[in-house]
Amino acid sequence: MKACAPGKLILSGEHSAVYGAPAIALAVNRYIHCHSSPAAIDGLSLSLPEAGWQTQISWPELRQLAEHLNQRFTQFEQGLLGAGEILEAPHQLALYALSQCLNNDDPAGGVTLEIRSQLPLGSGMGSSAALGAAVTVLGQTLFSQPLTTAQLFQRVRYCERLCHGRGGLIDAATVSYGGMVQVAAGQVEQLPVRLGEGWYYIHTGIPRVGTGECVDVVRRRFGESDLWQAFAELTRQLSTTIVKGDDPRQLMRENHRLLTAIGVVPEPVQQFIQTLENLGGAAKVSGAGAVSGDSAGALIAYLPGGDLTSLCQQSGYSFMAIEEDSEGARLED
């Protein structure tokens, strides 16, 4: 049996969504794939070939691990652990997500689960949410019953809290529902629109610090700031602009200035975006960005009729044209 979940890119609302502001994001056609098959062990054999990692764990041990991670999350809430310390290894998210699919009785027999990813960690493409979604779709089908999309969204959000200290609405919603998604006041709305031509994903390199730590630093510095109202209004304007098919560049540039103001756009990335703006384009961090170092993970850029090849080569960045995934997490044939 196979399942997959798409990556995501945030068009607007990263960081400000934490403070109740709206956010909009797009599911893109880069995926995490999960493949299960029967195993001759009494438990789970999990492998992530690209990371060179493999383990076996019994069903009771899987339940114990889930309880252990719940305890570590409680320690985070008590201020005893940082957001990036809840998980002791990235693969534990997959194990935790699968544990949430088990019924009261252990499964009869064993399962081999292989996970392959087109979403690099720290790439700003929602790899943790996509991992949780793909494993959950597969696990629910194997051990329980399929979830509705709304239920899947809530489950992914619950699991992802272990990665960042909280379950983000926008990542979980986008990888679960697919297409373009707007989250506001805790509600998810699918927007009936496609981005069209001229949009690009640019990878500036893996940030020095993780999403959870970045969000915590921004909260300490700007948690009581009026900037979040400006973010909220800009996101609403950008949503309207995209739905109407109008030019988004000025709003994207304003969004970039706000993200720079809260300190999540490193200087080299600022210089790159300035050069892109001089060429007639616009770009902004898509995701947490970074509060230190030279890399900010993902950028989303708009340069209709332009060519990013030379500019990205000069900075050592990779890029690709954005293509939408309209289905969200699902079983595969």
Protein backbone atom coordinates (compact mmCIF):
# COMPACT_ATOMS: atom_id res chain seq x y z
CA MET A 1 0.00 0.00 0.00
CA LYS A 2 1.24 3.49 -0.82
CA ALA A 3 0.42 7.01 0.32
CA CYS A 4 1.81 10.45 -0.37
CA ALA A 5 1.48 14.03 0.84
CA PRO A 6 2.57 17.21 -0.96
CA GLY A 7 4.89 19.92 0.21
CA LYS A 8 3.67 23.45 0.72
CA LEU A 9 4.78 27.02 0.21
CA ILE A 10 3.41 29.92 2.26
CA LEU A 11 2.43 32.91 0.16
CA SER A 12 1.74 35.13 3.17
CA GLY A 13 1.18 34.81 6.90
CA GLU A 14 4.20 32.97 8.23
CA HIS A 15 4.89 34.04 11.82
CA SER A 16 1.82 36.31 11.94
CA ALA A 17 -0.47 33.26 11.83
CA VAL A 18 0.84 32.41 15.31
CA TYR A 19 -0.89 35.58 16.53
CA GLY A 20 -4.24 34.88 14.89
CA ALA A 21 -3.61 36.63 11.57
CA PRO A 22 -4.73 34.92 8.34
CA ALA A 23 -2.30 32.94 6.19
CA ILE A 24 -2.42 31.60 2.64
CA ALA A 25 -0.37 28.75 1.22
CA LEU A 26 -0.18 26.45 -1.77
CA ALA A 27 0.36 22.68 -1.97
CA VAL A 28 3.07 21.90 -4.52
CA ASN A 29 3.96 18.82 -6.50
CA ARG A 30 6.91 17.66 -4.43
CA TYR A 31 6.05 14.79 -2.11
CA ILE A 32 6.77 12.49 0.75
CA HIS A 33 5.95 8.91 -0.28
CA CYS A 34 5.23 6.06 2.15
CA HIS A 35 5.11 2.40 1.10
CA SER A 36 4.02 -0.41 3.40
CA SER A 37 4.28 -4.18 3.04
CA PRO A 38 3.83 -7.18 5.37
CA ALA A 39 6.85 -8.07 7.52
CA ALA A 40 7.91 -11.27 9.25
CA ILE A 41 8.43 -9.46 12.56
CA ASP A 42 5.98 -8.68 15.34
CA GLY A 43 6.07 -4.93 15.01
CA LEU A 44 7.31 -2.23 12.67
CA SER A 45 10.36 -2.09 10.43
CA LEU A 46 10.87 1.53 9.40
CA SER A 47 13.40 2.73 6.83
CA LEU A 48 14.33 6.10 5.38
CA PRO A 49 16.80 5.09 2.65
CA GLU A 50 17.81 8.62 1.68
CA ALA A 51 18.88 9.34 5.26
CA GLY A 52 20.54 5.93 5.60
CA TRP A 53 18.38 5.17 8.61
CA GLN A 54 16.51 2.01 9.57
CA THR A 55 15.06 0.56 12.77
CA GLN A 56 12.74 -2.11 14.10
CA ILE A 57 10.35 -1.55 16.98
CA SER A 58 7.66 -3.73 18.55
CA TRP A 59 4.10 -2.48 18.87
CA PRO A 60 4.37 -2.12 22.69
CA GLU A 61 7.63 -0.22 22.25
CA LEU A 62 5.95 2.06 19.71
CA ARG A 63 3.24 2.91 22.24
CA GLN A 64 5.89 3.52 24.89
CA LEU A 65 7.75 5.87 22.54
CA ALA A 66 4.57 7.84 21.94
CA GLU A 67 4.04 8.26 25.68
CA HIS A 68 7.68 9.27 26.08
CA LEU A 69 7.29 11.99 23.44
CA ASN A 70 4.07 13.18 25.08
CA GLN A 71 6.06 13.58 28.31
CA ARG A 72 8.77 15.52 26.50
CA PHE A 73 6.10 17.83 25.08
CA THR A 74 4.85 18.43 28.61
CA GLN A 75 8.42 19.29 29.61
CA PHE A 76 8.50 21.81 26.76
CA GLU A 77 5.28 23.38 28.03
CA GLN A 78 6.88 23.63 31.48
CA GLY A 79 9.89 25.44 30.01
CA LEU A 80 12.26 22.53 30.63
CA LEU A 81 12.91 21.81 26.92
CA GLY A 82 13.24 24.01 23.87
CA ALA A 83 10.91 23.58 20.92
CA GLY A 84 13.68 21.93 18.92
CA GLU A 85 14.43 19.44 21.69
CA ILE A 86 11.07 17.64 21.97
CA LEU A 87 11.94 15.13 19.27
CA GLU A 88 15.23 13.37 19.91
CA ALA A 89 15.56 12.43 16.23
CA PRO A 90 13.56 13.53 13.14
CA HIS A 91 12.34 10.01 12.34
CA GLN A 92 10.46 9.92 15.65
CA LEU A 93 7.73 12.02 14.07
CA ALA A 94 6.93 9.17 11.66
CA LEU A 95 6.84 6.68 14.53
CA TYR A 96 4.61 8.96 16.59
CA ALA A 97 2.20 9.56 13.71
CA LEU A 98 1.91 5.81 13.14
CA SER A 99 1.35 5.16 16.85
CA GLN A 100 -1.70 7.45 16.74
CA CYS A 101 -3.28 5.15 14.13
CA LEU A 102 -3.20 2.02 16.33
CA ASN A 103 -6.32 0.63 17.97
CA ASN A 104 -6.35 -0.62 21.55
CA ASP A 105 -5.12 -4.04 20.44
CA ASP A 106 -1.77 -4.48 18.75
CA PRO A 107 -1.87 -5.31 15.03
CA ALA A 108 -1.66 -8.99 14.12
CA GLY A 109 1.68 -9.39 12.38
CA GLY A 110 4.33 -6.93 11.30
CA VAL A 111 4.67 -4.09 8.82
CA THR A 112 7.57 -2.71 6.84
CA LEU A 113 7.30 1.01 6.17
CA GLU A 114 9.61 2.78 3.73
CA ILE A 115 9.57 6.57 3.50
CA ARG A 116 11.10 8.60 0.68
CA SER A 117 11.07 12.37 0.50
CA GLN A 118 11.39 15.02 -2.18
CA LEU A 119 11.19 17.66 0.57
CA PRO A 120 14.53 18.41 2.23
CA LEU A 121 14.44 19.15 5.95
CA GLY A 122 14.56 22.87 6.60
CA SER A 123 13.53 23.66 3.04
CA GLY A 124 10.43 25.64 4.02
CA MET A 125 8.22 23.16 2.19
CA GLY A 126 6.44 21.66 5.19
CA SER A 127 8.34 18.39 5.33
CA SER A 128 7.22 17.56 8.88
CA ALA A 129 3.54 18.20 8.13
CA ALA A 130 3.77 16.19 4.90
CA LEU A 131 5.47 13.34 6.73
CA GLY A 132 2.78 13.26 9.38
CA ALA A 133 0.03 13.40 6.75
CA ALA A 134 1.43 10.64 4.54
CA VAL A 135 2.10 8.28 7.47
CA THR A 136 -1.35 9.00 8.94
CA VAL A 137 -3.20 8.31 5.67
CA LEU A 138 -1.37 5.00 5.36
CA GLY A 139 -1.60 4.05 9.04
CA GLN A 140 -5.29 4.78 9.34
CA THR A 141 -6.00 2.61 6.31
CA LEU A 142 -3.85 -0.22 7.67
CA PHE A 143 -4.92 -0.24 11.31
CA SER A 144 -8.17 1.65 11.74
CA GLN A 145 -10.33 3.52 9.26
CA PRO A 146 -9.67 6.45 6.90
CA LEU A 147 -10.08 9.93 8.31
CA THR A 148 -12.02 12.73 6.69
CA THR A 149 -9.87 15.56 5.39
CA ALA A 150 -10.89 17.72 8.35
CA GLN A 151 -9.94 14.94 10.77
CA LEU A 152 -6.64 14.39 8.98
CA PHE A 153 -5.87 18.10 9.27
CA GLN A 154 -6.40 18.00 13.04
CA ARG A 155 -4.32 14.82 13.44
CA VAL A 156 -1.43 16.25 11.44
CA ARG A 157 -1.55 19.43 13.49
CA TYR A 158 -1.50 17.37 16.70
CA CYS A 159 1.50 15.32 15.62
CA GLU A 160 3.42 18.32 14.30
CA ARG A 161 3.35 20.03 17.68
CA LEU A 162 6.29 17.77 18.56
CA CYS A 163 8.39 19.46 15.86
CA HIS A 164 7.79 23.13 16.57
CA GLY A 165 6.22 23.26 20.02
CA ARG A 166 2.79 23.87 18.51
CA GLY A 167 0.76 22.43 15.67
CA GLY A 168 0.71 25.02 12.92
CA LEU A 169 -2.60 25.53 11.18
CA ILE A 170 -1.31 26.48 7.76
CA ASP A 171 1.14 23.63 7.13
CA ALA A 172 -1.27 20.95 8.34
CA ALA A 173 -4.17 22.42 6.36
CA THR A 174 -2.26 22.78 3.10
CA VAL A 175 -0.77 19.28 2.98
CA SER A 176 -4.11 17.76 4.03
CA TYR A 177 -6.46 19.65 1.71
CA GLY A 178 -4.19 20.44 -1.26
CA GLY A 179 -4.54 23.38 -3.63
CA MET A 180 -4.48 26.93 -2.32
CA VAL A 181 -5.61 27.25 1.27
CA GLN A 182 -6.42 30.19 3.50
CA VAL A 183 -6.51 29.84 7.26
CA ALA A 184 -8.14 32.53 9.38
CA ALA A 185 -9.58 32.46 12.91
CA GLY A 186 -8.89 28.73 13.09
CA GLN A 187 -10.98 28.02 9.99
CA VAL A 188 -9.72 26.51 6.73
CA GLU A 189 -10.92 27.73 3.35
CA GLN A 190 -9.85 26.37 -0.02
CA LEU A 191 -9.44 29.19 -2.53
CA PRO A 192 -10.76 28.41 -6.04
CA VAL A 193 -7.78 29.80 -7.92
CA ARG A 194 -4.45 28.74 -9.45
CA LEU A 195 -1.30 30.81 -9.27
CA GLY A 196 -0.49 30.72 -12.98
CA GLU A 197 2.86 31.42 -14.63
CA GLY A 198 5.85 33.29 -13.29
CA TRP A 199 5.99 31.86 -9.77
CA TYR A 200 9.12 30.17 -8.42
CA TYR A 201 10.42 28.35 -5.37
CA ILE A 202 13.99 29.30 -4.44
CA HIS A 203 16.00 27.37 -1.86
CA THR A 204 18.59 29.55 -0.12
CA GLY A 205 20.00 26.74 2.01
CA ILE A 206 19.04 25.12 5.31
CA PRO A 207 18.67 27.69 8.11
CA ARG A 208 21.03 27.55 11.06
CA VAL A 209 18.13 27.26 13.52
CA GLY A 210 14.89 25.28 13.33
CA THR A 211 11.37 26.58 12.93
CA GLY A 212 10.45 26.22 16.60
CA GLU A 213 13.46 28.18 17.82
CA CYS A 214 12.92 30.85 15.17
CA VAL A 215 9.28 31.30 16.17
CA ASP A 216 10.28 31.51 19.85
CA VAL A 217 12.88 34.23 19.19
CA VAL A 218 10.39 36.28 17.17
CA ARG A 219 7.81 35.92 19.94
CA ARG A 220 10.23 37.19 22.59
CA ARG A 221 11.17 40.19 20.48
CA PHE A 222 7.86 41.09 18.81
CA GLY A 223 5.08 39.17 20.53
CA GLU A 224 3.34 42.38 21.64
CA SER A 225 4.11 44.36 18.47
CA ASP A 226 1.54 46.14 16.30
CA LEU A 227 3.31 44.68 13.27
CA TRP A 228 0.99 41.67 13.29
CA GLN A 229 -1.95 43.87 12.34
CA ALA A 230 0.02 45.06 9.31
CA PHE A 231 0.80 41.45 8.40
CA ALA A 232 -2.87 40.52 8.68
CA GLU A 233 -4.06 43.35 6.44
CA LEU A 234 -1.39 42.61 3.86
CA THR A 235 -2.32 38.92 3.75
CA ARG A 236 -5.98 39.80 3.19
CA GLN A 237 -5.03 42.15 0.36
CA LEU A 238 -2.75 39.57 -1.24
CA SER A 239 -5.46 36.89 -1.08
CA THR A 240 -7.88 39.22 -2.88
CA THR A 241 -5.23 40.17 -5.43
CA ILE A 242 -4.41 36.54 -6.27
CA VAL A 243 -8.07 35.53 -6.55
CA LYS A 244 -8.72 38.47 -8.91
CA GLY A 245 -5.59 37.71 -10.96
CA ASP A 246 -4.02 41.12 -10.32
CA ASP A 247 -0.28 41.85 -10.07
CA PRO A 248 0.98 40.82 -6.60
CA ARG A 249 4.49 42.29 -6.73
CA GLN A 250 3.97 45.41 -4.63
CA LEU A 251 2.25 43.46 -1.87
CA MET A 252 4.98 40.80 -1.91
CA ARG A 253 7.60 43.51 -1.54
CA GLU A 254 5.76 44.98 1.42
CA ASN A 255 5.52 41.48 2.92
CA HIS A 256 9.28 41.08 2.52
CA ARG A 257 9.87 44.39 4.33
CA LEU A 258 7.74 43.24 7.27
CA LEU A 259 9.57 39.91 7.50
CA THR A 260 12.87 41.78 7.42
CA ALA A 261 11.63 44.00 10.25
CA ILE A 262 11.06 41.00 12.55
CA GLY A 263 14.57 39.71 11.81
CA VAL A 264 13.98 36.50 9.86
CA VAL A 265 15.64 37.51 6.56
CA PRO A 266 19.45 37.18 6.69
CA GLU A 267 21.50 39.89 5.01
CA PRO A 268 22.66 37.79 2.01
CA VAL A 269 19.04 36.86 1.31
CA GLN A 270 18.01 40.51 1.57
CA GLN A 271 20.66 41.39 -1.02
CA PHE A 272 19.43 38.64 -3.34
CA ILE A 273 15.82 39.86 -3.08
CA GLN A 274 16.91 43.44 -3.73
CA THR A 275 18.64 42.33 -6.94
CA LEU A 276 15.53 40.42 -7.98
CA GLU A 277 13.39 43.49 -7.33
CA ASN A 278 15.75 45.55 -9.47
CA LEU A 279 15.02 43.08 -12.29
CA GLY A 280 11.29 43.74 -11.91
CA GLY A 281 10.43 40.78 -9.70
CA ALA A 282 9.45 40.23 -6.09
CA ALA A 283 10.31 37.61 -3.49
CA LYS A 284 9.84 36.87 0.18
CA VAL A 285 10.72 34.22 2.72
CA SER A 286 8.23 31.36 2.66
CA GLY A 287 8.31 29.73 6.06
CA ALA A 288 10.07 30.57 9.30
CA GLY A 289 13.15 32.10 7.70
CA ALA A 290 16.14 32.42 10.04
CA VAL A 291 17.17 34.59 12.97
CA SER A 292 20.87 33.85 12.47
CA GLY A 293 23.20 32.60 9.74
CA ASP A 294 23.14 33.36 6.03
CA SER A 295 20.39 31.01 4.78
CA ALA A 296 16.62 31.34 5.14
CA GLY A 297 15.26 28.13 3.65
CA ALA A 298 12.55 28.79 1.07
CA LEU A 299 11.71 31.92 -0.87
CA ILE A 300 8.66 32.33 -3.05
CA ALA A 301 9.30 34.59 -6.03
CA TYR A 302 7.29 36.18 -8.83
CA LEU A 303 9.10 37.12 -12.04
CA PRO A 304 6.78 36.71 -15.03
CA GLY A 305 8.70 36.35 -18.28
CA GLY A 306 12.04 36.36 -16.46
CA ASP A 307 14.87 33.87 -15.99
CA LEU A 308 16.29 33.18 -12.53
CA THR A 309 19.13 30.93 -13.70
CA SER A 310 22.01 33.43 -13.63
CA LEU A 311 20.92 35.19 -10.45
CA CYS A 312 20.48 31.95 -8.51
CA GLN A 313 23.78 30.56 -9.77
CA GLN A 314 25.59 33.65 -8.51
CA SER A 315 24.17 33.12 -5.02
CA GLY A 316 24.44 29.33 -5.01
CA TYR A 317 20.68 28.92 -4.73
CA SER A 318 18.50 26.30 -6.42
CA PHE A 319 15.09 27.05 -7.87
CA MET A 320 12.13 25.53 -9.66
CA ALA A 321 8.91 26.72 -11.22
CA ILE A 322 5.98 26.17 -8.85
CA GLU A 323 3.43 23.56 -9.86
CA GLU A 324 0.33 23.03 -7.74
CA ASP A 325 -0.93 19.83 -6.15
CA SER A 326 -4.71 20.01 -5.95
CA GLU A 327 -5.45 16.76 -4.05
CA GLY A 328 -3.52 16.84 -0.77
CA ALA A 329 -2.48 13.76 1.21
CA ARG A 330 -3.88 10.55 -0.27
CA LEU A 331 -3.44 6.88 -1.04
CA GLU A 332 -1.57 6.14 -4.28
CA ASP A 333 -2.31 3.46 -6.84
